[in-house]
Full PDB file with SEQRES, HELIX, SHEET, SSBOND, CRYST1, ORIGX, SCALE, CONECT and MASTER records, all heavy atoms in Angstrom:
SEQRES   1 A   42  PRO LEU THR GLY LYS ILE ILE SER ALA SER GLN ARG LEU          
SEQRES   2 A   42  ARG GLU VAL ILE GLU LEU GLY LYS LEU ALA ASP GLU ALA          
SEQRES   3 A   42  GLY LEU ASP ILE PHE GLY VAL GLY GLU HIS HIS ARG LEU          
SEQRES   4 A   42  ASP TYR ALA                                                  
HELIX    1 AA1 ALA A    9  ALA A   26  1                                  18    
CRYST1    1.000    1.000    1.000  90.00  90.00  90.00 P 1           1          
ORIGX1      1.000000  0.000000  0.000000        0.00000                         
ORIGX2      0.000000  1.000000  0.000000        0.00000                         
ORIGX3      0.000000  0.000000  1.000000        0.00000                         
SCALE1      1.000000  0.000000  0.000000        0.00000                         
SCALE2      0.000000  1.000000  0.000000        0.00000                         
SCALE3      0.000000  0.000000  1.000000        0.00000                         
ATOM      1  N   PRO A   1     -11.992   8.713   5.504  1.00  0.00           N  
ATOM      2  CA  PRO A   1     -12.836   9.675   6.220  1.00  0.00           C  
ATOM      3  C   PRO A   1     -14.118  10.024   5.471  1.00  0.00           C  
ATOM      4  O   PRO A   1     -15.068  10.522   6.081  1.00  0.00           O  
ATOM      5  CB  PRO A   1     -11.925  10.902   6.355  1.00  0.00           C  
ATOM      6  CG  PRO A   1     -10.983  10.797   5.204  1.00  0.00           C  
ATOM      7  CD  PRO A   1     -10.739   9.328   5.037  1.00  0.00           C  
ATOM      8  N   LEU A   2     -14.157   9.751   4.171  1.00  0.00           N  
ATOM      9  CA  LEU A   2     -15.348  10.084   3.380  1.00  0.00           C  
ATOM     10  C   LEU A   2     -16.375   8.967   3.406  1.00  0.00           C  
ATOM     11  O   LEU A   2     -17.573   9.211   3.258  1.00  0.00           O  
ATOM     12  CB  LEU A   2     -14.948  10.392   1.934  1.00  0.00           C  
ATOM     13  CG  LEU A   2     -13.879  11.476   1.752  1.00  0.00           C  
ATOM     14  CD1 LEU A   2     -13.627  11.729   0.270  1.00  0.00           C  
ATOM     15  CD2 LEU A   2     -14.280  12.762   2.454  1.00  0.00           C  
ATOM     16  N   THR A   3     -15.927   7.726   3.584  1.00  0.00           N  
ATOM     17  CA  THR A   3     -16.845   6.581   3.563  1.00  0.00           C  
ATOM     18  C   THR A   3     -16.899   5.839   4.894  1.00  0.00           C  
ATOM     19  O   THR A   3     -17.844   5.099   5.146  1.00  0.00           O  
ATOM     20  CB  THR A   3     -16.429   5.580   2.474  1.00  0.00           C  
ATOM     21  OG1 THR A   3     -15.144   5.022   2.828  1.00  0.00           O  
ATOM     22  CG2 THR A   3     -16.322   6.269   1.114  1.00  0.00           C  
ATOM     23  N   GLY A   4     -15.874   6.022   5.724  1.00  0.00           N  
ATOM     24  CA  GLY A   4     -15.778   5.298   6.989  1.00  0.00           C  
ATOM     25  C   GLY A   4     -15.298   3.871   6.850  1.00  0.00           C  
ATOM     26  O   GLY A   4     -15.146   3.167   7.847  1.00  0.00           O  
ATOM     27  N   LYS A   5     -15.035   3.429   5.622  1.00  0.00           N  
ATOM     28  CA  LYS A   5     -14.647   2.044   5.401  1.00  0.00           C  
ATOM     29  C   LYS A   5     -13.155   1.839   5.653  1.00  0.00           C  
ATOM     30  O   LYS A   5     -12.337   2.712   5.394  1.00  0.00           O  
ATOM     31  CB  LYS A   5     -14.983   1.631   3.968  1.00  0.00           C  
ATOM     32  CG  LYS A   5     -16.483   1.573   3.683  1.00  0.00           C  
ATOM     33  CD  LYS A   5     -16.739   1.085   2.262  1.00  0.00           C  
ATOM     34  CE  LYS A   5     -18.243   1.001   1.980  1.00  0.00           C  
ATOM     35  NZ  LYS A   5     -18.515   0.556   0.580  1.00  0.00           N  
ATOM     36  N   ILE A   6     -12.829   0.648   6.171  1.00  0.00           N  
ATOM     37  CA  ILE A   6     -11.441   0.223   6.344  1.00  0.00           C  
ATOM     38  C   ILE A   6     -11.232  -1.011   5.485  1.00  0.00           C  
ATOM     39  O   ILE A   6     -11.972  -1.995   5.612  1.00  0.00           O  
ATOM     40  CB  ILE A   6     -11.125  -0.103   7.813  1.00  0.00           C  
ATOM     41  CG1 ILE A   6     -11.359   1.115   8.708  1.00  0.00           C  
ATOM     42  CG2 ILE A   6      -9.680  -0.581   7.954  1.00  0.00           C  
ATOM     43  CD1 ILE A   6     -11.154   0.832  10.184  1.00  0.00           C  
ATOM     44  N   ILE A   7     -10.251  -0.973   4.596  1.00  0.00           N  
ATOM     45  CA  ILE A   7     -10.020  -2.119   3.740  1.00  0.00           C  
ATOM     46  C   ILE A   7      -9.264  -3.198   4.516  1.00  0.00           C  
ATOM     47  O   ILE A   7      -8.639  -2.930   5.538  1.00  0.00           O  
ATOM     48  CB  ILE A   7      -9.251  -1.727   2.466  1.00  0.00           C  
ATOM     49  CG1 ILE A   7      -7.839  -1.227   2.797  1.00  0.00           C  
ATOM     50  CG2 ILE A   7     -10.023  -0.688   1.679  1.00  0.00           C  
ATOM     51  CD1 ILE A   7      -6.988  -0.988   1.556  1.00  0.00           C  
ATOM     52  N   SER A   8      -9.314  -4.414   4.019  1.00  0.00           N  
ATOM     53  CA  SER A   8      -8.640  -5.539   4.672  1.00  0.00           C  
ATOM     54  C   SER A   8      -7.141  -5.456   4.439  1.00  0.00           C  
ATOM     55  O   SER A   8      -6.664  -4.792   3.510  1.00  0.00           O  
ATOM     56  CB  SER A   8      -9.173  -6.860   4.119  1.00  0.00           C  
ATOM     57  OG  SER A   8      -8.806  -6.995   2.752  1.00  0.00           O  
ATOM     58  N   ALA A   9      -6.398  -6.178   5.267  1.00  0.00           N  
ATOM     59  CA  ALA A   9      -4.943  -6.227   5.091  1.00  0.00           C  
ATOM     60  C   ALA A   9      -4.582  -6.840   3.744  1.00  0.00           C  
ATOM     61  O   ALA A   9      -3.632  -6.381   3.079  1.00  0.00           O  
ATOM     62  CB  ALA A   9      -4.311  -7.022   6.233  1.00  0.00           C  
ATOM     63  N   SER A  10      -5.315  -7.851   3.320  1.00  0.00           N  
ATOM     64  CA  SER A  10      -4.997  -8.495   2.042  1.00  0.00           C  
ATOM     65  C   SER A  10      -5.201  -7.533   0.876  1.00  0.00           C  
ATOM     66  O   SER A  10      -4.377  -7.481  -0.051  1.00  0.00           O  
ATOM     67  CB  SER A  10      -5.839  -9.760   1.846  1.00  0.00           C  
ATOM     68  OG  SER A  10      -7.220  -9.456   1.880  1.00  0.00           O  
ATOM     69  N   GLN A  11      -6.285  -6.743   0.912  1.00  0.00           N  
ATOM     70  CA  GLN A  11      -6.502  -5.770  -0.149  1.00  0.00           C  
ATOM     71  C   GLN A  11      -5.423  -4.688  -0.122  1.00  0.00           C  
ATOM     72  O   GLN A  11      -4.920  -4.271  -1.170  1.00  0.00           O  
ATOM     73  CB  GLN A  11      -7.882  -5.123  -0.024  1.00  0.00           C  
ATOM     74  CG  GLN A  11      -8.157  -4.118  -1.151  1.00  0.00           C  
ATOM     75  CD  GLN A  11      -9.537  -3.482  -1.048  1.00  0.00           C  
ATOM     76  OE1 GLN A  11     -10.425  -4.021  -0.385  1.00  0.00           O  
ATOM     77  NE2 GLN A  11      -9.723  -2.342  -1.701  1.00  0.00           N  
ATOM     78  N   ARG A  12      -5.069  -4.252   1.090  1.00  0.00           N  
ATOM     79  CA  ARG A  12      -4.038  -3.220   1.214  1.00  0.00           C  
ATOM     80  C   ARG A  12      -2.716  -3.710   0.640  1.00  0.00           C  
ATOM     81  O   ARG A  12      -2.014  -2.974  -0.062  1.00  0.00           O  
ATOM     82  CB  ARG A  12      -3.865  -2.834   2.678  1.00  0.00           C  
ATOM     83  CG  ARG A  12      -2.947  -1.632   2.899  1.00  0.00           C  
ATOM     84  CD  ARG A  12      -3.606  -0.353   2.428  1.00  0.00           C  
ATOM     85  NE  ARG A  12      -2.972   0.820   2.980  1.00  0.00           N  
ATOM     86  CZ  ARG A  12      -2.144   1.624   2.296  1.00  0.00           C  
ATOM     87  NH1 ARG A  12      -1.864   1.366   1.041  1.00  0.00           N  
ATOM     88  NH2 ARG A  12      -1.627   2.693   2.873  1.00  0.00           N  
ATOM     89  N   LEU A  13      -2.361  -4.944   0.913  1.00  0.00           N  
ATOM     90  CA  LEU A  13      -1.114  -5.493   0.390  1.00  0.00           C  
ATOM     91  C   LEU A  13      -1.150  -5.593  -1.131  1.00  0.00           C  
ATOM     92  O   LEU A  13      -0.144  -5.304  -1.807  1.00  0.00           O  
ATOM     93  CB  LEU A  13      -0.824  -6.847   1.018  1.00  0.00           C  
ATOM     94  CG  LEU A  13      -0.408  -6.805   2.491  1.00  0.00           C  
ATOM     95  CD1 LEU A  13      -0.398  -8.204   3.085  1.00  0.00           C  
ATOM     96  CD2 LEU A  13       0.957  -6.149   2.657  1.00  0.00           C  
ATOM     97  N   ARG A  14      -2.295  -5.992  -1.675  1.00  0.00           N  
ATOM     98  CA  ARG A  14      -2.410  -6.027  -3.133  1.00  0.00           C  
ATOM     99  C   ARG A  14      -2.245  -4.628  -3.718  1.00  0.00           C  
ATOM    100  O   ARG A  14      -1.616  -4.442  -4.767  1.00  0.00           O  
ATOM    101  CB  ARG A  14      -3.753  -6.628  -3.547  1.00  0.00           C  
ATOM    102  CG  ARG A  14      -3.863  -8.132  -3.312  1.00  0.00           C  
ATOM    103  CD  ARG A  14      -5.082  -8.717  -4.015  1.00  0.00           C  
ATOM    104  NE  ARG A  14      -6.331  -8.206  -3.463  1.00  0.00           N  
ATOM    105  CZ  ARG A  14      -6.979  -8.765  -2.441  1.00  0.00           C  
ATOM    106  NH1 ARG A  14      -6.486  -9.843  -1.849  1.00  0.00           N  
ATOM    107  NH2 ARG A  14      -8.124  -8.254  -2.016  1.00  0.00           N  
ATOM    108  N   GLU A  15      -2.797  -3.640  -3.017  1.00  0.00           N  
ATOM    109  CA  GLU A  15      -2.671  -2.259  -3.493  1.00  0.00           C  
ATOM    110  C   GLU A  15      -1.227  -1.766  -3.389  1.00  0.00           C  
ATOM    111  O   GLU A  15      -0.755  -1.023  -4.260  1.00  0.00           O  
ATOM    112  CB  GLU A  15      -3.610  -1.348  -2.701  1.00  0.00           C  
ATOM    113  CG  GLU A  15      -5.079  -1.573  -3.013  1.00  0.00           C  
ATOM    114  CD  GLU A  15      -5.994  -0.627  -2.263  1.00  0.00           C  
ATOM    115  OE1 GLU A  15      -5.476   0.169  -1.440  1.00  0.00           O  
ATOM    116  OE2 GLU A  15      -7.217  -0.673  -2.490  1.00  0.00           O  
ATOM    117  N   VAL A  16      -0.518  -2.156  -2.340  1.00  0.00           N  
ATOM    118  CA  VAL A  16       0.887  -1.764  -2.202  1.00  0.00           C  
ATOM    119  C   VAL A  16       1.699  -2.299  -3.372  1.00  0.00           C  
ATOM    120  O   VAL A  16       2.539  -1.586  -3.949  1.00  0.00           O  
ATOM    121  CB  VAL A  16       1.456  -2.262  -0.861  1.00  0.00           C  
ATOM    122  CG1 VAL A  16       2.982  -2.134  -0.825  1.00  0.00           C  
ATOM    123  CG2 VAL A  16       0.849  -1.475   0.300  1.00  0.00           C  
ATOM    124  N   ILE A  17       1.464  -3.546  -3.749  1.00  0.00           N  
ATOM    125  CA  ILE A  17       2.163  -4.120  -4.900  1.00  0.00           C  
ATOM    126  C   ILE A  17       1.815  -3.348  -6.168  1.00  0.00           C  
ATOM    127  O   ILE A  17       2.688  -3.049  -6.996  1.00  0.00           O  
ATOM    128  CB  ILE A  17       1.812  -5.611  -5.044  1.00  0.00           C  
ATOM    129  CG1 ILE A  17       2.329  -6.391  -3.836  1.00  0.00           C  
ATOM    130  CG2 ILE A  17       2.383  -6.186  -6.344  1.00  0.00           C  
ATOM    131  CD1 ILE A  17       1.788  -7.806  -3.736  1.00  0.00           C  
ATOM    132  N   GLU A  18       0.553  -2.980  -6.297  1.00  0.00           N  
ATOM    133  CA  GLU A  18       0.119  -2.204  -7.467  1.00  0.00           C  
ATOM    134  C   GLU A  18       0.768  -0.819  -7.477  1.00  0.00           C  
ATOM    135  O   GLU A  18       1.159  -0.316  -8.545  1.00  0.00           O  
ATOM    136  CB  GLU A  18      -1.401  -2.072  -7.481  1.00  0.00           C  
ATOM    137  CG  GLU A  18      -1.968  -1.324  -8.675  1.00  0.00           C  
ATOM    138  CD  GLU A  18      -1.697  -1.999 -10.015  1.00  0.00           C  
ATOM    139  OE1 GLU A  18      -1.452  -3.228 -10.027  1.00  0.00           O  
ATOM    140  OE2 GLU A  18      -1.728  -1.307 -11.042  1.00  0.00           O  
ATOM    141  N   LEU A  19       0.913  -0.194  -6.302  1.00  0.00           N  
ATOM    142  CA  LEU A  19       1.579   1.109  -6.238  1.00  0.00           C  
ATOM    143  C   LEU A  19       3.031   1.001  -6.697  1.00  0.00           C  
ATOM    144  O   LEU A  19       3.537   1.885  -7.403  1.00  0.00           O  
ATOM    145  CB  LEU A  19       1.520   1.659  -4.812  1.00  0.00           C  
ATOM    146  CG  LEU A  19       0.156   2.077  -4.273  1.00  0.00           C  
ATOM    147  CD1 LEU A  19       0.287   2.558  -2.828  1.00  0.00           C  
ATOM    148  CD2 LEU A  19      -0.463   3.163  -5.145  1.00  0.00           C  
ATOM    149  N   GLY A  20       3.708  -0.071  -6.281  1.00  0.00           N  
ATOM    150  CA  GLY A  20       5.073  -0.276  -6.742  1.00  0.00           C  
ATOM    151  C   GLY A  20       5.142  -0.422  -8.249  1.00  0.00           C  
ATOM    152  O   GLY A  20       6.041   0.142  -8.903  1.00  0.00           O  
ATOM    153  N   LYS A  21       4.193  -1.147  -8.805  1.00  0.00           N  
ATOM    154  CA  LYS A  21       4.141  -1.323 -10.263  1.00  0.00           C  
ATOM    155  C   LYS A  21       3.886   0.002 -10.962  1.00  0.00           C  
ATOM    156  O   LYS A  21       4.540   0.319 -11.971  1.00  0.00           O  
ATOM    157  CB  LYS A  21       3.044  -2.337 -10.606  1.00  0.00           C  
ATOM    158  CG  LYS A  21       2.940  -2.655 -12.090  1.00  0.00           C  
ATOM    159  CD  LYS A  21       1.845  -3.682 -12.338  1.00  0.00           C  
ATOM    160  CE  LYS A  21       1.708  -3.977 -13.826  1.00  0.00           C  
ATOM    161  NZ  LYS A  21       0.613  -4.960 -14.093  1.00  0.00           N  
ATOM    162  N   LEU A  22       2.943   0.790 -10.442  1.00  0.00           N  
ATOM    163  CA  LEU A  22       2.645   2.091 -11.036  1.00  0.00           C  
ATOM    164  C   LEU A  22       3.855   3.011 -10.977  1.00  0.00           C  
ATOM    165  O   LEU A  22       4.163   3.718 -11.947  1.00  0.00           O  
ATOM    166  CB  LEU A  22       1.462   2.744 -10.308  1.00  0.00           C  
ATOM    167  CG  LEU A  22       0.086   2.106 -10.515  1.00  0.00           C  
ATOM    168  CD1 LEU A  22      -0.930   2.751  -9.581  1.00  0.00           C  
ATOM    169  CD2 LEU A  22      -0.354   2.253 -11.970  1.00  0.00           C  
ATOM    170  N   ALA A  23       4.555   3.021  -9.838  1.00  0.00           N  
ATOM    171  CA  ALA A  23       5.733   3.876  -9.691  1.00  0.00           C  
ATOM    172  C   ALA A  23       6.827   3.471 -10.668  1.00  0.00           C  
ATOM    173  O   ALA A  23       7.518   4.324 -11.247  1.00  0.00           O  
ATOM    174  CB  ALA A  23       6.242   3.802  -8.248  1.00  0.00           C  
ATOM    175  N   ASP A  24       7.002   2.174 -10.853  1.00  0.00           N  
ATOM    176  CA  ASP A  24       8.006   1.672 -11.788  1.00  0.00           C  
ATOM    177  C   ASP A  24       7.657   2.063 -13.216  1.00  0.00           C  
ATOM    178  O   ASP A  24       8.503   2.570 -13.965  1.00  0.00           O  
ATOM    179  CB  ASP A  24       8.087   0.150 -11.653  1.00  0.00           C  
ATOM    180  CG  ASP A  24       9.193  -0.458 -12.487  1.00  0.00           C  
ATOM    181  OD1 ASP A  24      10.351  -0.015 -12.357  1.00  0.00           O  
ATOM    182  OD2 ASP A  24       8.911  -1.389 -13.271  1.00  0.00           O  
ATOM    183  N   GLU A  25       6.417   1.842 -13.603  1.00  0.00           N  
ATOM    184  CA  GLU A  25       5.989   2.161 -14.965  1.00  0.00           C  
ATOM    185  C   GLU A  25       6.039   3.661 -15.246  1.00  0.00           C  
ATOM    186  O   GLU A  25       6.276   4.078 -16.384  1.00  0.00           O  
ATOM    187  CB  GLU A  25       4.568   1.634 -15.198  1.00  0.00           C  
ATOM    188  CG  GLU A  25       4.479   0.104 -15.220  1.00  0.00           C  
ATOM    189  CD  GLU A  25       3.057  -0.401 -15.265  1.00  0.00           C  
ATOM    190  OE1 GLU A  25       2.124   0.416 -14.990  1.00  0.00           O  
ATOM    191  OE2 GLU A  25       2.865  -1.601 -15.561  1.00  0.00           O  
ATOM    192  N   ALA A  26       5.836   4.481 -14.194  1.00  0.00           N  
ATOM    193  CA  ALA A  26       5.859   5.934 -14.367  1.00  0.00           C  
ATOM    194  C   ALA A  26       7.282   6.486 -14.448  1.00  0.00           C  
ATOM    195  O   ALA A  26       7.466   7.656 -14.779  1.00  0.00           O  
ATOM    196  CB  ALA A  26       5.113   6.604 -13.210  1.00  0.00           C  
ATOM    197  N   GLY A  27       8.286   5.654 -14.125  1.00  0.00           N  
ATOM    198  CA  GLY A  27       9.667   6.095 -14.223  1.00  0.00           C  
ATOM    199  C   GLY A  27      10.250   6.649 -12.945  1.00  0.00           C  
ATOM    200  O   GLY A  27      11.303   7.311 -12.985  1.00  0.00           O  
ATOM    201  N   LEU A  28       9.604   6.412 -11.803  1.00  0.00           N  
ATOM    202  CA  LEU A  28      10.194   6.826 -10.539  1.00  0.00           C  
ATOM    203  C   LEU A  28      11.369   5.912 -10.190  1.00  0.00           C  
ATOM    204  O   LEU A  28      11.512   4.819 -10.732  1.00  0.00           O  
ATOM    205  CB  LEU A  28       9.140   6.829  -9.431  1.00  0.00           C  
ATOM    206  CG  LEU A  28       8.021   7.863  -9.593  1.00  0.00           C  
ATOM    207  CD1 LEU A  28       6.993   7.728  -8.466  1.00  0.00           C  
ATOM    208  CD2 LEU A  28       8.580   9.283  -9.632  1.00  0.00           C  
ATOM    209  N   ASP A  29      12.205   6.363  -9.266  1.00  0.00           N  
ATOM    210  CA  ASP A  29      13.471   5.689  -9.003  1.00  0.00           C  
ATOM    211  C   ASP A  29      13.449   4.737  -7.811  1.00  0.00           C  
ATOM    212  O   ASP A  29      14.246   3.801  -7.763  1.00  0.00           O  
ATOM    213  CB  ASP A  29      14.568   6.733  -8.746  1.00  0.00           C  
ATOM    214  CG  ASP A  29      14.730   7.696  -9.899  1.00  0.00           C  
ATOM    215  OD1 ASP A  29      15.070   7.233 -10.999  1.00  0.00           O  
ATOM    216  OD2 ASP A  29      14.505   8.915  -9.713  1.00  0.00           O  
ATOM    217  N   ILE A  30      12.570   4.989  -6.838  1.00  0.00           N  
ATOM    218  CA  ILE A  30      12.624   4.268  -5.563  1.00  0.00           C  
ATOM    219  C   ILE A  30      11.217   3.932  -5.098  1.00  0.00           C  
ATOM    220  O   ILE A  30      10.304   4.757  -5.207  1.00  0.00           O  
ATOM    221  CB  ILE A  30      13.309   5.119  -4.472  1.00  0.00           C  
ATOM    222  CG1 ILE A  30      14.690   5.581  -4.921  1.00  0.00           C  
ATOM    223  CG2 ILE A  30      13.420   4.362  -3.156  1.00  0.00           C  
ATOM    224  CD1 ILE A  30      15.073   6.918  -4.336  1.00  0.00           C  
ATOM    225  N   PHE A  31      11.059   2.735  -4.545  1.00  0.00           N  
ATOM    226  CA  PHE A  31       9.804   2.355  -3.891  1.00  0.00           C  
ATOM    227  C   PHE A  31      10.143   1.725  -2.555  1.00  0.00           C  
ATOM    228  O   PHE A  31      10.946   0.787  -2.476  1.00  0.00           O  
ATOM    229  CB  PHE A  31       9.003   1.374  -4.742  1.00  0.00           C  
ATOM    230  CG  PHE A  31       7.677   0.999  -4.143  1.00  0.00           C  
ATOM    231  CD1 PHE A  31       6.629   1.900  -4.147  1.00  0.00           C  
ATOM    232  CD2 PHE A  31       7.479  -0.245  -3.556  1.00  0.00           C  
ATOM    233  CE1 PHE A  31       5.402   1.570  -3.581  1.00  0.00           C  
ATOM    234  CE2 PHE A  31       6.264  -0.577  -2.992  1.00  0.00           C  
ATOM    235  CZ  PHE A  31       5.219   0.339  -3.002  1.00  0.00           C  
ATOM    236  N   GLY A  32       9.542   2.239  -1.483  1.00  0.00           N  
ATOM    237  CA  GLY A  32       9.841   1.754  -0.146  1.00  0.00           C  
ATOM    238  C   GLY A  32       8.600   1.356   0.625  1.00  0.00           C  
ATOM    239  O   GLY A  32       7.513   1.885   0.383  1.00  0.00           O  
ATOM    240  N   VAL A  33       8.771   0.403   1.555  1.00  0.00           N  
ATOM    241  CA  VAL A  33       7.686   0.027   2.470  1.00  0.00           C  
ATOM    242  C   VAL A  33       8.239   0.003   3.889  1.00  0.00           C  
ATOM    243  O   VAL A  33       9.379  -0.398   4.122  1.00  0.00           O  
ATOM    244  CB  VAL A  33       7.062  -1.341   2.105  1.00  0.00           C  
ATOM    245  CG1 VAL A  33       6.455  -1.297   0.714  1.00  0.00           C  
ATOM    246  CG2 VAL A  33       8.067  -2.474   2.198  1.00  0.00           C  
ATOM    247  N   GLY A  34       7.419   0.455   4.829  1.00  0.00           N  
ATOM    248  CA  GLY A  34       7.831   0.525   6.223  1.00  0.00           C  
ATOM    249  C   GLY A  34       7.446  -0.710   7.006  1.00  0.00           C  
ATOM    250  O   GLY A  34       6.697  -1.571   6.536  1.00  0.00           O  
ATOM    251  N   GLU A  35       7.956  -0.799   8.223  1.00  0.00           N  
ATOM    252  CA  GLU A  35       7.729  -1.944   9.112  1.00  0.00           C  
ATOM    253  C   GLU A  35       6.987  -1.514  10.366  1.00  0.00           C  
ATOM    254  O   GLU A  35       7.424  -0.608  11.073  1.00  0.00           O  
ATOM    255  CB  GLU A  35       9.079  -2.564   9.519  1.00  0.00           C  
ATOM    256  CG  GLU A  35       8.964  -3.670  10.560  1.00  0.00           C  
ATOM    257  CD  GLU A  35      10.314  -4.132  11.089  1.00  0.00           C  
ATOM    258  OE1 GLU A  35      11.346  -3.744  10.513  1.00  0.00           O  
ATOM    259  OE2 GLU A  35      10.327  -4.876  12.084  1.00  0.00           O  
ATOM    260  N   HIS A  36       5.839  -2.133  10.629  1.00  0.00           N  
ATOM    261  CA  HIS A  36       5.106  -1.916  11.873  1.00  0.00           C  
ATOM    262  C   HIS A  36       4.547  -3.252  12.347  1.00  0.00           C  
ATOM    263  O   HIS A  36       4.239  -4.128  11.529  1.00  0.00           O  
ATOM    264  CB  HIS A  36       3.953  -0.920  11.679  1.00  0.00           C  
ATOM    265  CG  HIS A  36       4.400   0.471  11.387  1.00  0.00           C  
ATOM    266  ND1 HIS A  36       4.732   0.885  10.114  1.00  0.00           N  
ATOM    267  CD2 HIS A  36       4.581   1.534  12.206  1.00  0.00           C  
ATOM    268  CE1 HIS A  36       5.099   2.156  10.163  1.00  0.00           C  
ATOM    269  NE2 HIS A  36       5.010   2.576  11.406  1.00  0.00           N  
ATOM    270  N   HIS A  37       4.389  -3.387  13.633  1.00  0.00           N  
ATOM    271  CA  HIS A  37       3.870  -4.630  14.212  1.00  0.00           C  
ATOM    272  C   HIS A  37       2.599  -4.306  14.990  1.00  0.00           C  
ATOM    273  O   HIS A  37       2.534  -4.427  16.213  1.00  0.00           O  
ATOM    274  CB  HIS A  37       4.939  -5.278  15.094  1.00  0.00           C  
ATOM    275  CG  HIS A  37       6.183  -5.623  14.330  1.00  0.00           C  
ATOM    276  ND1 HIS A  37       6.342  -6.818  13.667  1.00  0.00           N  
ATOM    277  CD2 HIS A  37       7.318  -4.900  14.097  1.00  0.00           C  
ATOM    278  CE1 HIS A  37       7.520  -6.832  13.061  1.00  0.00           C  
ATOM    279  NE2 HIS A  37       8.132  -5.686  13.305  1.00  0.00           N  
ATOM    280  N   ARG A  38       1.592  -3.862  14.240  1.00  0.00           N  
ATOM    281  CA  ARG A  38       0.311  -3.444  14.809  1.00  0.00           C  
ATOM    282  C   ARG A  38      -0.793  -3.882  13.862  1.00  0.00           C  
ATOM    283  O   ARG A  38      -0.580  -3.986  12.650  1.00  0.00           O  
ATOM    284  CB  ARG A  38       0.260  -1.917  14.959  1.00  0.00           C  
ATOM    285  CG  ARG A  38       1.353  -1.289  15.799  1.00  0.00           C  
ATOM    286  CD  ARG A  38       1.242   0.239  15.753  1.00  0.00           C  
ATOM    287  NE  ARG A  38      -0.092   0.679  16.138  1.00  0.00           N  
ATOM    288  CZ  ARG A  38      -0.437   1.003  17.382  1.00  0.00           C  
ATOM    289  NH1 ARG A  38       0.452   0.948  18.352  1.00  0.00           N  
ATOM    290  NH2 ARG A  38      -1.662   1.394  17.657  1.00  0.00           N  
ATOM    291  N   LEU A  39      -1.986  -4.067  14.402  1.00  0.00           N  
ATOM    292  CA  LEU A  39      -3.110  -4.495  13.571  1.00  0.00           C  
ATOM    293  C   LEU A  39      -3.621  -3.390  12.655  1.00  0.00           C  
ATOM    294  O   LEU A  39      -4.386  -3.662  11.732  1.00  0.00           O  
ATOM    295  CB  LEU A  39      -4.252  -5.006  14.461  1.00  0.00           C  
ATOM    296  CG  LEU A  39      -3.975  -6.344  15.163  1.00  0.00           C  
ATOM    297  CD1 LEU A  39      -5.081  -6.652  16.156  1.00  0.00           C  
ATOM    298  CD2 LEU A  39      -3.836  -7.466  14.138  1.00  0.00           C  
ATOM    299  N   ASP A  40      -3.215  -2.141  12.904  1.00  0.00           N  
ATOM    300  CA  ASP A  40      -3.650  -1.063  12.021  1.00  0.00           C  
ATOM    301  C   ASP A  40      -2.629  -0.768  10.921  1.00  0.00           C  
ATOM    302  O   ASP A  40      -2.684   0.272  10.275  1.00  0.00           O  
ATOM    303  CB  ASP A  40      -3.984   0.215  12.818  1.00  0.00           C  
ATOM    304  CG  ASP A  40      -3.049   0.464  13.976  1.00  0.00           C  
ATOM    305  OD1 ASP A  40      -1.952  -0.120  13.993  1.00  0.00           O  
ATOM    306  OD2 ASP A  40      -3.421   1.241  14.874  1.00  0.00           O  
ATOM    307  N   TYR A  41      -1.698  -1.689  10.699  1.00  0.00           N  
ATOM    308  CA  TYR A  41      -0.771  -1.631   9.566  1.00  0.00           C  
ATOM    309  C   TYR A  41      -0.707  -3.011   8.929  1.00  0.00           C  
ATOM    310  O   TYR A  41      -0.766  -4.033   9.625  1.00  0.00           O  
ATOM    311  CB  TYR A  41       0.633  -1.213  10.013  1.00  0.00           C  
ATOM    312  CG  TYR A  41       0.723   0.216  10.478  1.00  0.00           C  
ATOM    313  CD1 TYR A  41       0.494   0.541  11.819  1.00  0.00           C  
ATOM    314  CD2 TYR A  41       1.023   1.247   9.594  1.00  0.00           C  
ATOM    315  CE1 TYR A  41       0.574   1.848  12.258  1.00  0.00           C  
ATOM    316  CE2 TYR A  41       1.112   2.559  10.019  1.00  0.00           C  
ATOM    317  CZ  TYR A  41       0.880   2.856  11.354  1.00  0.00           C  
ATOM    318  OH  TYR A  41       0.955   4.156  11.789  1.00  0.00           O  
ATOM    319  N   ALA A  42      -0.567  -3.051   7.611  1.00  0.00           N  
ATOM    320  CA  ALA A  42      -0.567  -4.328   6.898  1.00  0.00           C  
ATOM    321  C   ALA A  42       0.826  -4.900   6.687  1.00  0.00           C  
ATOM    322  O   ALA A  42       0.954  -6.052   6.289  1.00  0.00           O  
ATOM    323  CB  ALA A  42      -1.252  -4.162   5.538  1.00  0.00           C  
TER     324      ALA A  42                                                      
MASTER        0    0    0    1    0    0    0    6  323    1    0    4          
END                                                                             
């Protein structure tokens, strides 16, 4: 909402993997991803 930009699905997926890595390194217990079949979800 601050820039109006929408990142690509490939970038979003790379970021999701990075979030899982960050959560693991920080000592959190669970990492989950949801399922959607729409172009506005990666």
